[in-house]
Protein backbone atom coordinates (compact mmCIF):
# COMPACT_ATOMS: atom_id res chain seq x y z
CA UNK A 1 0.00 0.00 0.00
CA UNK A 2 1.47 3.36 -0.97
CA UNK A 3 1.81 6.18 1.53
CA UNK A 4 0.86 9.57 -0.02
CA UNK A 5 3.05 11.56 2.35
CA UNK A 6 6.18 9.49 1.62
CA UNK A 7 5.56 9.53 -2.13
CA UNK A 8 5.28 13.31 -2.09
CA UNK A 9 8.49 13.69 -0.08
CA UNK A 10 10.35 11.32 -2.41
CA UNK A 11 9.17 13.21 -5.48
CA UNK A 12 10.51 16.41 -3.94
CA UNK A 13 13.86 14.97 -2.83
CA UNK A 14 14.84 13.15 -6.08
CA UNK A 15 14.83 16.24 -8.35
CA UNK A 16 16.92 18.17 -5.83
CA UNK A 17 19.46 15.31 -5.50
CA UNK A 18 19.69 14.87 -9.27
CA UNK A 19 20.21 18.60 -9.68
CA UNK A 20 23.10 18.55 -7.18
CA UNK A 21 24.73 15.61 -9.00
CA UNK A 22 24.45 17.31 -12.39
CA UNK A 23 25.85 20.59 -11.07
CA UNK A 24 28.74 18.74 -9.37
CA UNK A 25 29.44 16.83 -12.58
CA UNK A 26 29.26 20.02 -14.62
CA UNK A 27 32.00 21.52 -12.44
CA UNK A 28 34.07 18.38 -11.75
CA UNK A 29 34.47 17.06 -15.29
CA UNK A 30 35.75 20.34 -16.80
CA UNK A 31 38.08 20.69 -13.81
CA UNK A 32 39.55 17.24 -14.45
CA UNK A 33 40.25 17.96 -18.10
CA UNK A 34 41.58 21.40 -17.28
CA UNK A 35 44.12 20.06 -14.78
CA UNK A 36 45.05 17.20 -17.12
CA UNK A 37 45.65 19.38 -20.16
CA UNK A 38 47.54 22.15 -18.41
CA UNK A 39 49.81 19.66 -16.55
CA UNK A 40 49.54 21.77 -13.40
CA UNK A 41 50.09 18.64 -11.34
CA UNK A 42 52.81 15.97 -11.71
CA UNK A 43 50.71 12.80 -11.69
CA UNK A 44 47.22 11.49 -12.41
CA UNK A 45 46.45 10.83 -8.75
CA UNK A 46 46.90 14.47 -7.86
CA UNK A 47 44.70 15.51 -10.76
CA UNK A 48 41.96 13.20 -9.56
CA UNK A 49 42.30 14.41 -5.97
CA UNK A 50 42.04 18.10 -6.87
CA UNK A 51 39.06 17.38 -9.12
CA UNK A 52 37.35 15.42 -6.33
CA UNK A 53 38.13 18.19 -3.86
CA UNK A 54 36.64 20.93 -6.03
CA UNK A 55 33.59 18.76 -6.78
CA UNK A 56 33.13 18.05 -3.07
CA UNK A 57 33.32 21.76 -2.29
CA UNK A 58 30.70 22.50 -4.93
CA UNK A 59 28.43 19.70 -3.67
CA UNK A 60 28.83 20.78 -0.05
CA UNK A 61 28.14 24.40 -0.96
CA UNK A 62 24.88 23.37 -2.63
CA UNK A 63 23.98 21.27 0.37
CA UNK A 64 24.62 24.13 2.81
CA UNK A 65 22.57 26.50 0.69
CA UNK A 66 19.70 23.99 0.64
CA UNK A 67 19.97 23.45 4.40
CA UNK A 68 19.88 27.21 4.94
CA UNK A 69 16.75 27.50 2.83
CA UNK A 70 15.08 24.66 4.71
CA UNK A 71 16.01 26.23 8.04
CA UNK A 72 14.52 29.55 6.94
CA UNK A 73 11.34 27.82 5.81
CA UNK A 74 11.18 25.92 9.10
CA UNK A 75 11.75 29.14 11.04
CA UNK A 76 8.91 30.88 9.21
CA UNK A 77 6.59 27.93 9.79
CA UNK A 78 7.49 27.92 13.49
CA UNK A 79 6.84 31.68 13.75
CA UNK A 80 3.46 31.25 12.03
CA UNK A 81 2.61 28.24 14.18
CA UNK A 82 3.60 29.99 17.41
CA UNK A 83 1.57 33.03 16.38
CA UNK A 84 -1.48 30.82 15.86
CA UNK A 85 -0.88 29.08 19.17
CA UNK A 86 -0.60 32.46 20.90
CA UNK A 87 -3.87 33.67 19.36
CA UNK A 88 -5.60 30.38 20.21
CA UNK A 89 -4.32 30.53 23.79
CA UNK A 90 -5.44 34.13 24.13
CA UNK A 91 -8.89 33.27 22.75
CA UNK A 92 -9.19 30.26 25.06
CA UNK A 93 -8.24 32.39 28.07
CA UNK A 94 -10.90 34.93 27.10
CA UNK A 95 -13.47 32.14 26.79
CA UNK A 96 -12.60 30.82 30.25
CA UNK A 97 -12.83 34.34 31.71
CA UNK A 98 -16.26 35.02 30.16
CA UNK A 99 -19.59 34.26 31.83
CA UNK A 100 -20.53 31.83 29.07
CA UNK A 101 -19.80 28.21 29.94
CA UNK A 102 -16.73 26.87 28.15
CA UNK A 103 -18.41 23.60 27.16
CA UNK A 104 -21.24 25.50 25.47
CA UNK A 105 -18.79 27.39 23.26
CA UNK A 106 -16.91 24.16 22.59
CA UNK A 107 -20.15 22.51 21.48
CA UNK A 108 -20.92 25.45 19.18
CA UNK A 109 -17.53 25.21 17.48
CA UNK A 110 -17.69 21.43 17.30
CA UNK A 111 -21.17 21.44 15.78
CA UNK A 112 -20.17 24.18 13.32
CA UNK A 113 -17.43 21.93 11.96
CA UNK A 114 -20.04 19.30 11.13
CA UNK A 115 -21.38 21.54 8.37
CA UNK A 116 -19.29 20.22 5.49
CA UNK A 117 -18.99 21.06 1.80
CA UNK A 118 -20.98 17.97 0.84
CA UNK A 119 -24.15 19.57 2.18
CA UNK A 120 -26.42 21.55 -0.20
CA UNK A 121 -25.31 25.13 -0.79
CA UNK A 122 -28.54 26.40 0.76
CA UNK A 123 -27.87 24.51 4.00
CA UNK A 124 -24.31 25.84 4.13
CA UNK A 125 -25.50 29.40 3.57
CA UNK A 126 -28.25 29.03 6.19
CA UNK A 127 -25.79 27.68 8.78
CA UNK A 128 -23.40 30.52 8.01
CA UNK A 129 -26.12 33.16 8.42
CA UNK A 130 -27.28 31.67 11.74
CA UNK A 131 -23.75 31.65 13.13
CA UNK A 132 -23.33 35.26 11.97
CA UNK A 133 -26.65 36.17 13.63
CA UNK A 134 -25.56 34.67 16.95
CA UNK A 135 -22.22 36.43 16.69
CA UNK A 136 -23.95 39.76 16.08
CA UNK A 137 -26.31 39.15 19.00
CA UNK A 138 -23.42 38.49 21.40
CA UNK A 139 -21.57 41.59 20.22
CA UNK A 140 -24.65 43.81 20.62
CA UNK A 141 -25.36 42.39 24.08
CA UNK A 142 -21.90 43.52 25.16
CA UNK A 143 -22.63 46.99 23.76
CA UNK A 144 -25.85 47.46 25.76
CA UNK A 145 -28.79 47.26 23.30
CA UNK A 146 -29.99 44.69 20.77
CA UNK A 147 -32.49 45.43 18.00
CA UNK A 148 -34.50 42.91 16.01
CA UNK A 149 -36.62 44.05 13.07
CA UNK A 150 -40.07 42.67 13.81
CA UNK A 151 -41.03 40.48 16.76
CA UNK A 152 -38.74 37.82 18.17
CA UNK A 153 -40.50 35.32 20.42
CA UNK A 154 -37.33 33.28 20.98
CA UNK A 155 -35.82 36.10 23.03
CA UNK A 156 -39.02 36.34 25.07
CA UNK A 157 -39.06 32.64 25.87
CA UNK A 158 -35.30 32.48 26.47
CA UNK A 159 -35.32 35.39 28.91
CA UNK A 160 -38.37 34.02 30.73
CA UNK A 161 -36.87 30.55 31.16
CA UNK A 162 -33.69 32.03 32.62
CA UNK A 163 -35.26 34.63 34.93
CA UNK A 164 -34.17 34.14 38.54
CA UNK A 165 -35.99 36.79 40.62
CA UNK A 166 -38.72 38.83 38.97
CA UNK A 167 -40.67 39.51 35.81
CA UNK A 168 -42.70 42.73 35.53
CA UNK A 169 -44.70 43.23 32.33
CA UNK A 170 -46.88 45.97 30.87
CA UNK A 171 -49.07 44.42 28.17
CA UNK A 172 -50.76 46.76 25.71
CA UNK A 173 -53.90 45.52 24.01
CA UNK A 174 -52.57 46.56 20.60
CA UNK A 175 -49.66 44.14 21.08
CA UNK A 176 -51.16 41.24 23.02
CA UNK A 177 -54.85 41.52 22.20
CA UNK A 178 -54.96 42.87 18.64
CA UNK A 179 -55.91 46.32 17.33
CA UNK A 180 -59.63 45.59 17.08
CA UNK A 181 -62.09 44.06 19.54
CA UNK A 182 -60.47 41.73 22.03
CA UNK A 183 -60.09 38.25 20.59
CA UNK A 184 -57.43 36.78 22.82
CA UNK A 185 -54.63 37.77 20.46
CA UNK A 186 -51.20 36.55 21.47
CA UNK A 187 -52.41 34.59 24.49
CA UNK A 188 -54.42 32.14 22.37
CA UNK A 189 -51.51 31.36 20.05
CA UNK A 190 -48.96 28.58 20.43
CA UNK A 191 -46.28 31.14 21.36
CA UNK A 192 -48.56 32.65 24.01
CA UNK A 193 -49.28 29.27 25.55
CA UNK A 194 -45.59 28.37 25.65
CA UNK A 195 -44.89 31.76 27.24
CA UNK A 196 -47.47 31.08 29.95
CA UNK A 197 -46.01 27.62 30.54
CA UNK A 198 -42.52 29.09 30.91
CA UNK A 199 -43.90 31.57 33.46
CA UNK A 200 -45.58 28.73 35.35
CA UNK A 201 -42.21 26.98 35.65
CA UNK A 202 -40.51 30.13 36.94
CA UNK A 203 -43.30 30.70 39.49
CA UNK A 204 -42.63 27.22 40.85
CA UNK A 205 -38.99 28.22 41.21
CA UNK A 206 -39.98 31.22 43.36
CA UNK A 207 -39.89 33.98 40.73
CA UNK A 208 -42.34 36.86 41.29
CA UNK A 209 -44.34 37.72 38.16
CA UNK A 210 -46.58 40.77 37.82
CA UNK A 211 -48.53 41.85 34.72
CA UNK A 212 -50.48 45.00 33.95
CA UNK A 213 -53.06 44.73 31.18
CA UNK A 214 -53.64 48.13 29.59
CA UNK A 215 -57.08 48.39 28.00
CA UNK A 216 -57.73 51.44 25.86
CA UNK A 217 -61.54 51.01 25.75
CA UNK A 218 -63.69 49.99 28.71
CA UNK A 219 -65.93 47.77 26.56
CA UNK A 220 -63.00 45.40 26.20
CA UNK A 221 -63.24 44.73 29.93
CA UNK A 222 -66.63 43.10 29.42
CA UNK A 223 -65.36 40.57 26.90
CA UNK A 224 -65.62 37.02 28.25
CA UNK A 225 -62.37 36.06 26.57
CA UNK A 226 -60.54 38.92 28.28
CA UNK A 227 -61.72 37.65 31.66
CA UNK A 228 -60.61 34.14 30.71
CA UNK A 229 -57.16 35.47 29.81
CA UNK A 230 -56.91 37.20 33.17
CA UNK A 231 -57.96 34.00 34.93
CA UNK A 232 -55.33 32.04 33.00
CA UNK A 233 -52.73 34.28 34.58
CA UNK A 234 -54.06 34.47 38.12
CA UNK A 235 -54.70 30.72 38.34
CA UNK A 236 -51.00 29.92 37.89
CA UNK A 237 -49.94 32.60 40.39
CA UNK A 238 -49.25 35.69 38.29
CA UNK A 239 -50.25 38.96 39.96
CA UNK A 240 -52.55 40.82 37.55
CA UNK A 241 -53.84 44.37 37.48
CA UNK A 242 -55.91 46.29 34.92
CA UNK A 243 -55.02 49.76 33.67
CA UNK A 244 -57.45 51.84 31.59
CA UNK A 245 -57.07 55.11 29.75
CA UNK A 246 -59.24 56.73 32.44
CA UNK A 247 -56.58 55.89 35.04
CA UNK A 248 -54.01 58.02 33.23
CA UNK A 249 -53.77 61.75 32.77
CA UNK A 250 -52.40 60.90 29.31
CA UNK A 251 -51.79 57.54 27.64
CA UNK A 252 -48.86 59.00 25.73
CA UNK A 253 -45.55 57.35 26.43
CA UNK A 254 -47.01 53.91 27.09
CA UNK A 255 -45.09 51.08 25.51
CA UNK A 256 -45.20 47.32 25.76
CA UNK A 257 -42.25 46.22 27.88
CA UNK A 258 -41.11 43.47 30.23
CA UNK A 259 -38.38 43.90 32.84
CA UNK A 260 -36.52 40.69 33.70
CA UNK A 261 -34.68 40.51 37.04
CA UNK A 262 -34.48 44.34 37.06
CA UNK A 263 -31.63 43.98 34.54
CA UNK A 264 -33.07 43.58 31.05
CA UNK A 265 -35.98 45.38 29.40
CA UNK A 266 -37.72 43.60 26.50
CA UNK A 267 -39.65 46.15 24.44
CA UNK A 268 -41.90 45.87 21.39
CA UNK A 269 -42.86 48.75 19.12
CA UNK A 270 -46.23 47.92 17.52
CA UNK A 271 -47.76 49.24 14.34
CA UNK A 272 -51.26 48.83 12.92
CA UNK A 273 -51.11 50.14 9.34
CA UNK A 274 -54.18 50.26 7.12
CA UNK A 275 -53.93 48.26 3.89
CA UNK A 276 -57.13 48.90 1.94
CA UNK A 277 -59.98 47.72 4.13
CA UNK A 278 -57.69 45.48 6.21
CA UNK A 279 -55.91 46.58 9.36
CA UNK A 280 -52.70 44.60 9.66
CA UNK A 281 -51.21 43.82 13.04
CA UNK A 282 -47.45 44.15 12.72
CA UNK A 283 -44.42 45.00 14.83
CA UNK A 284 -41.80 47.53 13.87
CA UNK A 285 -39.03 46.17 16.07
CA UNK A 286 -38.09 44.34 19.26
CA UNK A 287 -35.50 45.93 21.51
CA UNK A 288 -33.44 44.45 24.33
CA UNK A 289 -32.22 47.18 26.67
CA UNK A 290 -29.35 46.45 29.03
CA UNK A 291 -28.20 49.98 29.82
CA UNK A 292 -28.81 50.43 33.59
CA UNK A 293 -30.24 54.01 33.41
CA UNK A 294 -32.84 53.03 30.80
CA UNK A 295 -33.72 49.82 32.62
CA UNK A 296 -34.16 51.85 35.81
CA UNK A 297 -36.60 54.12 33.97
CA UNK A 298 -38.71 51.12 33.01
CA UNK A 299 -38.64 49.83 36.60
CA UNK A 300 -39.83 53.17 37.95
CA UNK A 301 -42.48 53.47 35.25
CA UNK A 302 -43.85 50.03 36.09
CA UNK A 303 -44.06 50.96 39.77
CA UNK A 304 -46.07 54.09 38.92
CA UNK A 305 -48.48 52.22 36.67
CA UNK A 306 -48.85 49.35 39.16
CA UNK A 307 -50.08 51.81 41.77
CA UNK A 308 -52.57 53.35 39.32
CA UNK A 309 -53.89 49.99 38.10
CA UNK A 310 -56.61 48.02 39.87
CA UNK A 311 -57.26 44.37 40.60
CA UNK A 312 -59.48 42.60 38.08
CA UNK A 313 -63.01 42.37 39.48
């Protein structure tokens, strides 16, 4: 069985050896005839010796030059290798010093390497975009704010499942209940049910959860489904209060937000544009706020609204 590595090395060595022999012969043979014709030496033995000496010097010179080149190549490879090792060591030290578990990052890198070139181009491109998205998310988290165009339920569920102390939410009807008459909206969807289930789990772990439902029109309060939604929350242990436009001097400045552990504010900017005769229910963007001053503003705002709101009757 042939060994590819050895074959490649042999194919590289043979041309170099042959070249040295040819160069040595090209110098040695003329030297022999030159010394023989000019009779610079008294006997044939001396002529042969001087020819062999000069040929040996030429061969040795070639060998030393080749060794020098190989040493330089080896030195450059060692410098490059050490540089990579230094960067890898620095990166590993930074990983160990971060709050993210080392094995999680290792799993990410390991799983990323499983995306090979044999997979369809679409799958490769999708994997690349997802890795880039996660990278961007981590960078923006370190900078203080993260913006997602539209609504991202994965952030909502991820933050809820990892909450340790408290969850305070202000829910606007235009976001959770729809822009028209109350029909259950978000809470009757699969995402809403999974969100409630995640809150149930955190309540069992001792997390305090409070929610304010803002209702812009009092007739919504009479809807049976709205009462059912409130009961869904209170039955699992969520503290619920109702806030109406009449409770506020001005409804301006209200926004749908959730404060997790008094550290992160999850905010949704809604929009209800008119398209012909249809009112679409869309979201402009989702924002994660980590800047302490802005999070503190949301905390204080929730406290004010909680005092103005009333228990559901």
